PDB file of N, CA and C in Angstrom:
ATOM      1  N   MET A   1     135.329 110.758 151.497  1.00  0.00           N
ATOM      2  CA  MET A   1     135.274 111.857 150.634  1.00  0.00           C
ATOM      3  C   MET A   1     134.273 111.750 149.580  1.00  0.00           C
ATOM      4  N   GLU A   2     133.781 110.615 149.223  1.00  0.00           N
ATOM      5  CA  GLU A   2     132.827 110.318 148.208  1.00  0.00           C
ATOM      6  C   GLU A   2     131.533 111.202 148.445  1.00  0.00           C
ATOM      7  N   GLN A   3     131.161 111.245 149.712  1.00  0.00           N
ATOM      8  CA  GLN A   3     129.918 112.023 150.017  1.00  0.00           C
ATOM      9  C   GLN A   3     130.031 113.439 149.698  1.00  0.00           C
ATOM     10  N   TYR A   4     131.227 114.042 149.824  1.00  0.00           N
ATOM     11  CA  TYR A   4     131.437 115.455 149.504  1.00  0.00           C
ATOM     12  C   TYR A   4     131.491 115.611 147.900  1.00  0.00           C
ATOM     13  N   LEU A   5     131.953 114.756 147.196  1.00  0.00           N
ATOM     14  CA  LEU A   5     131.954 114.739 145.747  1.00  0.00           C
ATOM     15  C   LEU A   5     130.538 114.709 145.276  1.00  0.00           C
ATOM     16  N   ARG A   6     129.713 113.714 145.708  1.00  0.00           N
ATOM     17  CA  ARG A   6     128.339 113.593 145.395  1.00  0.00           C
ATOM     18  C   ARG A   6     127.537 114.830 145.706  1.00  0.00           C
ATOM     19  N   LEU A   7     127.809 115.438 146.931  1.00  0.00           N
ATOM     20  CA  LEU A   7     127.155 116.568 147.428  1.00  0.00           C
ATOM     21  C   LEU A   7     127.493 117.738 146.438  1.00  0.00           C
ATOM     22  N   ARG A   8     128.705 117.932 146.064  1.00  0.00           N
ATOM     23  CA  ARG A   8     129.152 118.974 145.176  1.00  0.00           C
ATOM     24  C   ARG A   8     128.456 118.916 143.755  1.00  0.00           C
ATOM     25  N   GLN A   9     128.282 117.658 143.357  1.00  0.00           N
ATOM     26  CA  GLN A   9     127.672 117.377 142.035  1.00  0.00           C
ATOM     27  C   GLN A   9     126.171 117.763 142.054  1.00  0.00           C
ATOM     28  N   ALA A  10     125.511 117.414 143.182  1.00  0.00           N
ATOM     29  CA  ALA A  10     124.134 117.778 143.346  1.00  0.00           C
ATOM     30  C   ALA A  10     123.913 119.278 143.416  1.00  0.00           C
ATOM     31  N   VAL A  11     124.839 119.949 144.086  1.00  0.00           N
ATOM     32  CA  VAL A  11     124.691 121.504 144.233  1.00  0.00           C
ATOM     33  C   VAL A  11     124.871 122.030 142.875  1.00  0.00           C
ATOM     34  N   ARG A  12     125.908 121.582 142.096  1.00  0.00           N
ATOM     35  CA  ARG A  12     126.166 122.263 140.788  1.00  0.00           C
ATOM     36  C   ARG A  12     125.044 121.903 139.747  1.00  0.00           C
ATOM     37  N   ARG A  13     124.398 120.825 139.886  1.00  0.00           N
ATOM     38  CA  ARG A  13     123.288 120.508 139.065  1.00  0.00           C
ATOM     39  C   ARG A  13     121.941 121.267 139.465  1.00  0.00           C
ATOM     40  N   GLY A  14     121.916 121.543 140.730  1.00  0.00           N
ATOM     41  CA  GLY A  14     120.653 122.157 141.219  1.00  0.00           C
ATOM     42  C   GLY A  14     119.630 121.063 141.557  1.00  0.00           C
ATOM     43  N   ASP A  15     120.113 119.872 141.753  1.00  0.00           N
ATOM     44  CA  ASP A  15     119.293 118.690 142.030  1.00  0.00           C
ATOM     45  C   ASP A  15     118.901 118.556 143.490  1.00  0.00           C
ATOM     46  N   LEU A  16     117.670 119.064 143.932  1.00  0.00           N
ATOM     47  CA  LEU A  16     117.357 119.009 145.241  1.00  0.00           C
ATOM     48  C   LEU A  16     117.117 117.572 145.732  1.00  0.00           C
ATOM     49  N   ALA A  17     116.475 116.771 144.915  1.00  0.00           N
ATOM     50  CA  ALA A  17     116.181 115.384 145.244  1.00  0.00           C
ATOM     51  C   ALA A  17     117.481 114.685 145.617  1.00  0.00           C
ATOM     52  N   ALA A  18     118.489 114.729 144.786  1.00  0.00           N
ATOM     53  CA  ALA A  18     119.807 114.130 144.918  1.00  0.00           C
ATOM     54  C   ALA A  18     120.448 114.617 146.255  1.00  0.00           C
ATOM     55  N   TYR A  19     120.353 116.025 146.438  1.00  0.00           N
ATOM     56  CA  TYR A  19     120.859 116.609 147.636  1.00  0.00           C
ATOM     57  C   TYR A  19     120.275 116.011 148.898  1.00  0.00           C
ATOM     58  N   ASN A  20     118.989 115.987 148.940  1.00  0.00           N
ATOM     59  CA  ASN A  20     118.244 115.451 150.099  1.00  0.00           C
ATOM     60  C   ASN A  20     118.638 114.015 150.328  1.00  0.00           C
ATOM     61  N   ALA A  21     118.772 113.157 149.297  1.00  0.00           N
ATOM     62  CA  ALA A  21     119.136 111.756 149.328  1.00  0.00           C
ATOM     63  C   ALA A  21     120.522 111.625 149.967  1.00  0.00           C
ATOM     64  N   ILE A  22     121.428 112.459 149.489  1.00  0.00           N
ATOM     65  CA  ILE A  22     122.891 112.436 149.994  1.00  0.00           C
ATOM     66  C   ILE A  22     122.925 112.864 151.471  1.00  0.00           C
ATOM     67  N   VAL A  23     122.186 113.917 151.848  1.00  0.00           N
ATOM     68  CA  VAL A  23     122.064 114.311 153.209  1.00  0.00           C
ATOM     69  C   VAL A  23     121.559 113.237 154.187  1.00  0.00           C
ATOM     70  N   ALA A  24     120.457 112.562 153.690  1.00  0.00           N
ATOM     71  CA  ALA A  24     119.850 111.523 154.497  1.00  0.00           C
ATOM     72  C   ALA A  24     120.880 110.260 154.574  1.00  0.00           C
ATOM     73  N   GLU A  25     121.588 109.973 153.491  1.00  0.00           N
ATOM     74  CA  GLU A  25     122.478 108.818 153.532  1.00  0.00           C
ATOM     75  C   GLU A  25     123.692 109.112 154.335  1.00  0.00           C
ATOM     76  N   PHE A  26     124.354 110.261 154.241  1.00  0.00           N
ATOM     77  CA  PHE A  26     125.607 110.545 154.925  1.00  0.00           C
ATOM     78  C   PHE A  26     125.432 111.586 156.078  1.00  0.00           C
ATOM     79  N   GLY A  27     124.234 111.782 156.548  1.00  0.00           N
ATOM     80  CA  GLY A  27     124.050 112.765 157.660  1.00  0.00           C
ATOM     81  C   GLY A  27     124.905 112.565 158.892  1.00  0.00           C
ATOM     82  N   ASP A  28     125.048 111.320 159.257  1.00  0.00           N
ATOM     83  CA  ASP A  28     125.929 110.968 160.461  1.00  0.00           C
ATOM     84  C   ASP A  28     127.427 111.245 160.140  1.00  0.00           C
ATOM     85  N   ARG A  29     127.881 111.135 158.916  1.00  0.00           N
ATOM     86  CA  ARG A  29     129.216 111.441 158.598  1.00  0.00           C
ATOM     87  C   ARG A  29     129.446 112.919 158.638  1.00  0.00           C
ATOM     88  N   PHE A  30     128.523 113.734 158.114  1.00  0.00           N
ATOM     89  CA  PHE A  30     128.600 115.140 158.123  1.00  0.00           C
ATOM     90  C   PHE A  30     128.557 115.598 159.515  1.00  0.00           C
ATOM     91  N   GLY A  31     127.840 115.046 160.322  1.00  0.00           N
ATOM     92  CA  GLY A  31     127.717 115.414 161.768  1.00  0.00           C
ATOM     93  C   GLY A  31     128.946 115.179 162.552  1.00  0.00           C
ATOM     94  N   ALA A  32     129.637 113.925 162.250  1.00  0.00           N
ATOM     95  CA  ALA A  32     130.872 113.531 162.872  1.00  0.00           C
ATOM     96  C   ALA A  32     132.052 114.394 162.422  1.00  0.00           C
ATOM     97  N   GLY A  33     131.996 114.850 161.145  1.00  0.00           N
ATOM     98  CA  GLY A  33     133.056 115.782 160.589  1.00  0.00           C
ATOM     99  C   GLY A  33     132.782 117.244 160.998  1.00  0.00           C
ATOM    100  N   ARG A  34     131.719 117.522 161.613  1.00  0.00           N
ATOM    101  CA  ARG A  34     131.395 118.900 162.099  1.00  0.00           C
ATOM    102  C   ARG A  34     131.084 119.896 160.810  1.00  0.00           C
ATOM    103  N   THR A  35     130.613 119.306 159.856  1.00  0.00           N
ATOM    104  CA  THR A  35     130.295 120.048 158.583  1.00  0.00           C
ATOM    105  C   THR A  35     128.741 120.079 158.452  1.00  0.00           C
ATOM    106  N   LYS A  36     128.040 119.474 159.256  1.00  0.00           N
ATOM    107  CA  LYS A  36     126.514 119.488 159.087  1.00  0.00           C
ATOM    108  C   LYS A  36     125.895 120.835 158.899  1.00  0.00           C
ATOM    109  N   THR A  37     126.381 121.778 159.613  1.00  0.00           N
ATOM    110  CA  THR A  37     125.665 123.135 159.395  1.00  0.00           C
ATOM    111  C   THR A  37     125.974 123.702 158.060  1.00  0.00           C
ATOM    112  N   VAL A  38     127.171 123.464 157.565  1.00  0.00           N
ATOM    113  CA  VAL A  38     127.531 123.968 156.220  1.00  0.00           C
ATOM    114  C   VAL A  38     126.729 123.179 155.170  1.00  0.00           C
ATOM    115  N   VAL A  39     126.536 121.926 155.370  1.00  0.00           N
ATOM    116  CA  VAL A  39     125.820 121.090 154.357  1.00  0.00           C
ATOM    117  C   VAL A  39     124.371 121.501 154.391  1.00  0.00           C
ATOM    118  N   VAL A  40     123.889 121.749 155.551  1.00  0.00           N
ATOM    119  CA  VAL A  40     122.373 122.206 155.555  1.00  0.00           C
ATOM    120  C   VAL A  40     122.213 123.526 154.965  1.00  0.00           C
ATOM    121  N   ARG A  41     123.126 124.432 155.020  1.00  0.00           N
ATOM    122  CA  ARG A  41     123.101 125.780 154.454  1.00  0.00           C
ATOM    123  C   ARG A  41     123.252 125.676 152.968  1.00  0.00           C
ATOM    124  N   LEU A  42     123.782 124.604 152.361  1.00  0.00           N
ATOM    125  CA  LEU A  42     123.911 124.451 150.979  1.00  0.00           C
ATOM    126  C   LEU A  42     122.610 124.241 150.180  1.00  0.00           C
ATOM    127  N   SER A  43     121.524 123.849 150.992  1.00  0.00           N
ATOM    128  CA  SER A  43     120.276 123.655 150.369  1.00  0.00           C
ATOM    129  C   SER A  43     119.799 124.895 149.645  1.00  0.00           C
ATOM    130  N   GLN A  44     120.085 126.057 150.208  1.00  0.00           N
ATOM    131  CA  GLN A  44     119.660 127.274 149.552  1.00  0.00           C
ATOM    132  C   GLN A  44     120.373 127.415 148.160  1.00  0.00           C
ATOM    133  N   SER A  45     121.697 127.069 148.086  1.00  0.00           N
ATOM    134  CA  SER A  45     122.454 127.097 146.865  1.00  0.00           C
ATOM    135  C   SER A  45     121.919 126.136 145.838  1.00  0.00           C
ATOM    136  N   VAL A  46     121.447 124.909 146.320  1.00  0.00           N
ATOM    137  CA  VAL A  46     120.803 124.026 145.451  1.00  0.00           C
ATOM    138  C   VAL A  46     119.587 124.588 144.794  1.00  0.00           C
ATOM    139  N   VAL A  47     118.716 125.160 145.576  1.00  0.00           N
ATOM    140  CA  VAL A  47     117.528 125.769 145.041  1.00  0.00           C
ATOM    141  C   VAL A  47     117.814 126.959 144.085  1.00  0.00           C
ATOM    142  N   LYS A  48     118.770 127.778 144.456  1.00  0.00           N
ATOM    143  CA  LYS A  48     119.077 128.822 143.614  1.00  0.00           C
ATOM    144  C   LYS A  48     119.661 128.395 142.293  1.00  0.00           C
ATOM    145  N   THR A  49     120.566 127.399 142.293  1.00  0.00           N
ATOM    146  CA  THR A  49     121.034 126.898 141.086  1.00  0.00           C
ATOM    147  C   THR A  49     120.008 126.207 140.231  1.00  0.00           C
ATOM    148  N   GLY A  50     119.129 125.488 140.861  1.00  0.00           N
ATOM    149  CA  GLY A  50     117.962 124.905 140.103  1.00  0.00           C
ATOM    150  C   GLY A  50     117.140 125.916 139.481  1.00  0.00           C
ATOM    151  N   LEU A  51     116.840 127.018 140.134  1.00  0.00           N
ATOM    152  CA  LEU A  51     116.049 128.070 139.585  1.00  0.00           C
ATOM    153  C   LEU A  51     116.688 128.789 138.462  1.00  0.00           C
ATOM    154  N   ARG A  52     118.069 128.979 138.604  1.00  0.00           N
ATOM    155  CA  ARG A  52     118.720 129.602 137.454  1.00  0.00           C
ATOM    156  C   ARG A  52     118.776 128.782 136.208  1.00  0.00           C
ATOM    157  N   ARG A  53     118.969 127.434 136.387  1.00  0.00           N
ATOM    158  CA  ARG A  53     118.912 126.510 135.283  1.00  0.00           C
ATOM    159  C   ARG A  53     117.484 126.447 134.544  1.00  0.00           C
ATOM    160  N   ILE A  54     116.420 126.457 135.466  1.00  0.00           N
ATOM    161  CA  ILE A  54     115.066 126.565 134.779  1.00  0.00           C
ATOM    162  C   ILE A  54     114.933 127.841 134.101  1.00  0.00           C
ATOM    163  N   ASN A  55     115.381 128.975 134.736  1.00  0.00           N
ATOM    164  CA  ASN A  55     115.186 130.288 134.178  1.00  0.00           C
ATOM    165  C   ASN A  55     115.728 130.416 132.695  1.00  0.00           C
ATOM    166  N   VAL A  56     116.995 129.780 132.673  1.00  0.00           N
ATOM    167  CA  VAL A  56     117.626 129.789 131.311  1.00  0.00           C
ATOM    168  C   VAL A  56     116.918 128.955 130.410  1.00  0.00           C
ATOM    169  N   SER A  57     116.431 127.790 130.835  1.00  0.00           N
ATOM    170  CA  SER A  57     115.681 126.868 129.922  1.00  0.00           C
ATOM    171  C   SER A  57     114.320 127.387 129.468  1.00  0.00           C
ATOM    172  N   TYR A  58     113.614 127.896 130.443  1.00  0.00           N
ATOM    173  CA  TYR A  58     112.234 128.225 130.202  1.00  0.00           C
ATOM    174  C   TYR A  58     111.979 129.683 130.724  1.00  0.00           C
ATOM    175  N   SER A  59     111.857 130.516 129.877  1.00  0.00           N
ATOM    176  CA  SER A  59     111.734 132.001 130.222  1.00  0.00           C
ATOM    177  C   SER A  59     110.324 132.241 130.841  1.00  0.00           C
ATOM    178  N   ARG A  60     109.307 131.452 130.418  1.00  0.00           N
ATOM    179  CA  ARG A  60     107.981 131.616 130.986  1.00  0.00           C
ATOM    180  C   ARG A  60     107.548 130.297 131.523  1.00  0.00           C
ATOM    181  N   SER A  61     107.827 130.123 132.734  1.00  0.00           N
ATOM    182  CA  SER A  61     107.280 128.878 133.442  1.00  0.00           C
ATOM    183  C   SER A  61     106.410 129.206 134.563  1.00  0.00           C
ATOM    184  N   SER A  62     105.444 128.299 134.776  1.00  0.00           N
ATOM    185  CA  SER A  62     104.533 128.560 135.866  1.00  0.00           C
ATOM    186  C   SER A  62     105.214 128.144 137.177  1.00  0.00           C
ATOM    187  N   LEU A  63     104.806 128.697 138.262  1.00  0.00           N
ATOM    188  CA  LEU A  63     105.314 128.377 139.647  1.00  0.00           C
ATOM    189  C   LEU A  63     105.147 126.847 139.821  1.00  0.00           C
ATOM    190  N   GLU A  64     104.067 126.218 139.372  1.00  0.00           N
ATOM    191  CA  GLU A  64     103.876 124.842 139.532  1.00  0.00           C
ATOM    192  C   GLU A  64     104.870 124.042 138.864  1.00  0.00           C
ATOM    193  N   ASP A  65     105.225 124.490 137.651  1.00  0.00           N
ATOM    194  CA  ASP A  65     106.309 123.754 136.871  1.00  0.00           C
ATOM    195  C   ASP A  65     107.653 123.855 137.630  1.00  0.00           C
ATOM    196  N   VAL A  66     107.999 125.076 138.173  1.00  0.00           N
ATOM    197  CA  VAL A  66     109.236 125.272 138.852  1.00  0.00           C
ATOM    198  C   VAL A  66     109.241 124.439 140.209  1.00  0.00           C
ATOM    199  N   ARG A  67     108.031 124.313 140.885  1.00  0.00           N
ATOM    200  CA  ARG A  67     108.020 123.465 142.063  1.00  0.00           C
ATOM    201  C   ARG A  67     108.210 122.062 141.684  1.00  0.00           C
ATOM    202  N   ALA A  68     107.721 121.560 140.678  1.00  0.00           N
ATOM    203  CA  ALA A  68     107.804 120.132 140.236  1.00  0.00           C
ATOM    204  C   ALA A  68     109.370 119.846 139.909  1.00  0.00           C
ATOM    205  N   LYS A  69     109.902 120.747 139.123  1.00  0.00           N
ATOM    206  CA  LYS A  69     111.362 120.555 138.652  1.00  0.00           C
ATOM    207  C   LYS A  69     112.257 120.514 139.802  1.00  0.00           C
ATOM    208  N   LEU A  70     111.998 121.360 140.826  1.00  0.00           N
ATOM    209  CA  LEU A  70     112.880 121.413 142.026  1.00  0.00           C
ATOM    210  C   LEU A  70     112.456 120.391 143.112  1.00  0.00           C
ATOM    211  N   SER A  71     111.417 119.594 142.881  1.00  0.00           N
ATOM    212  CA  SER A  71     110.948 118.683 143.866  1.00  0.00           C
ATOM    213  C   SER A  71     110.614 119.318 145.221  1.00  0.00           C
ATOM    214  N   LEU A  72     110.027 120.418 145.164  1.00  0.00           N
ATOM    215  CA  LEU A  72     109.720 121.183 146.352  1.00  0.00           C
ATOM    216  C   LEU A  72     108.187 120.771 146.748  1.00  0.00           C
ATOM    217  N   ASP A  73     107.885 120.855 148.059  1.00  0.00           N
ATOM    218  CA  ASP A  73     106.493 120.553 148.539  1.00  0.00           C
ATOM    219  C   ASP A  73     105.632 121.655 148.322  1.00  0.00           C
TER     220      ASP A  73
END
């Protein structure tokens, strides 16, 4: 259950790097528990939460700053 707690924390923080690390580390467990598709779909929520947090903090940010904060390619 630790992996779900860590996943929840990453989603609530909007931390895409932590989310990706958790998915990479526990991907086999998510697949065995048949929750892999739900976990993969959570990535959209992570990005949305990250954007919301950035928007509150910085009302005028460049797209490059947003990309760097969310660790997007």
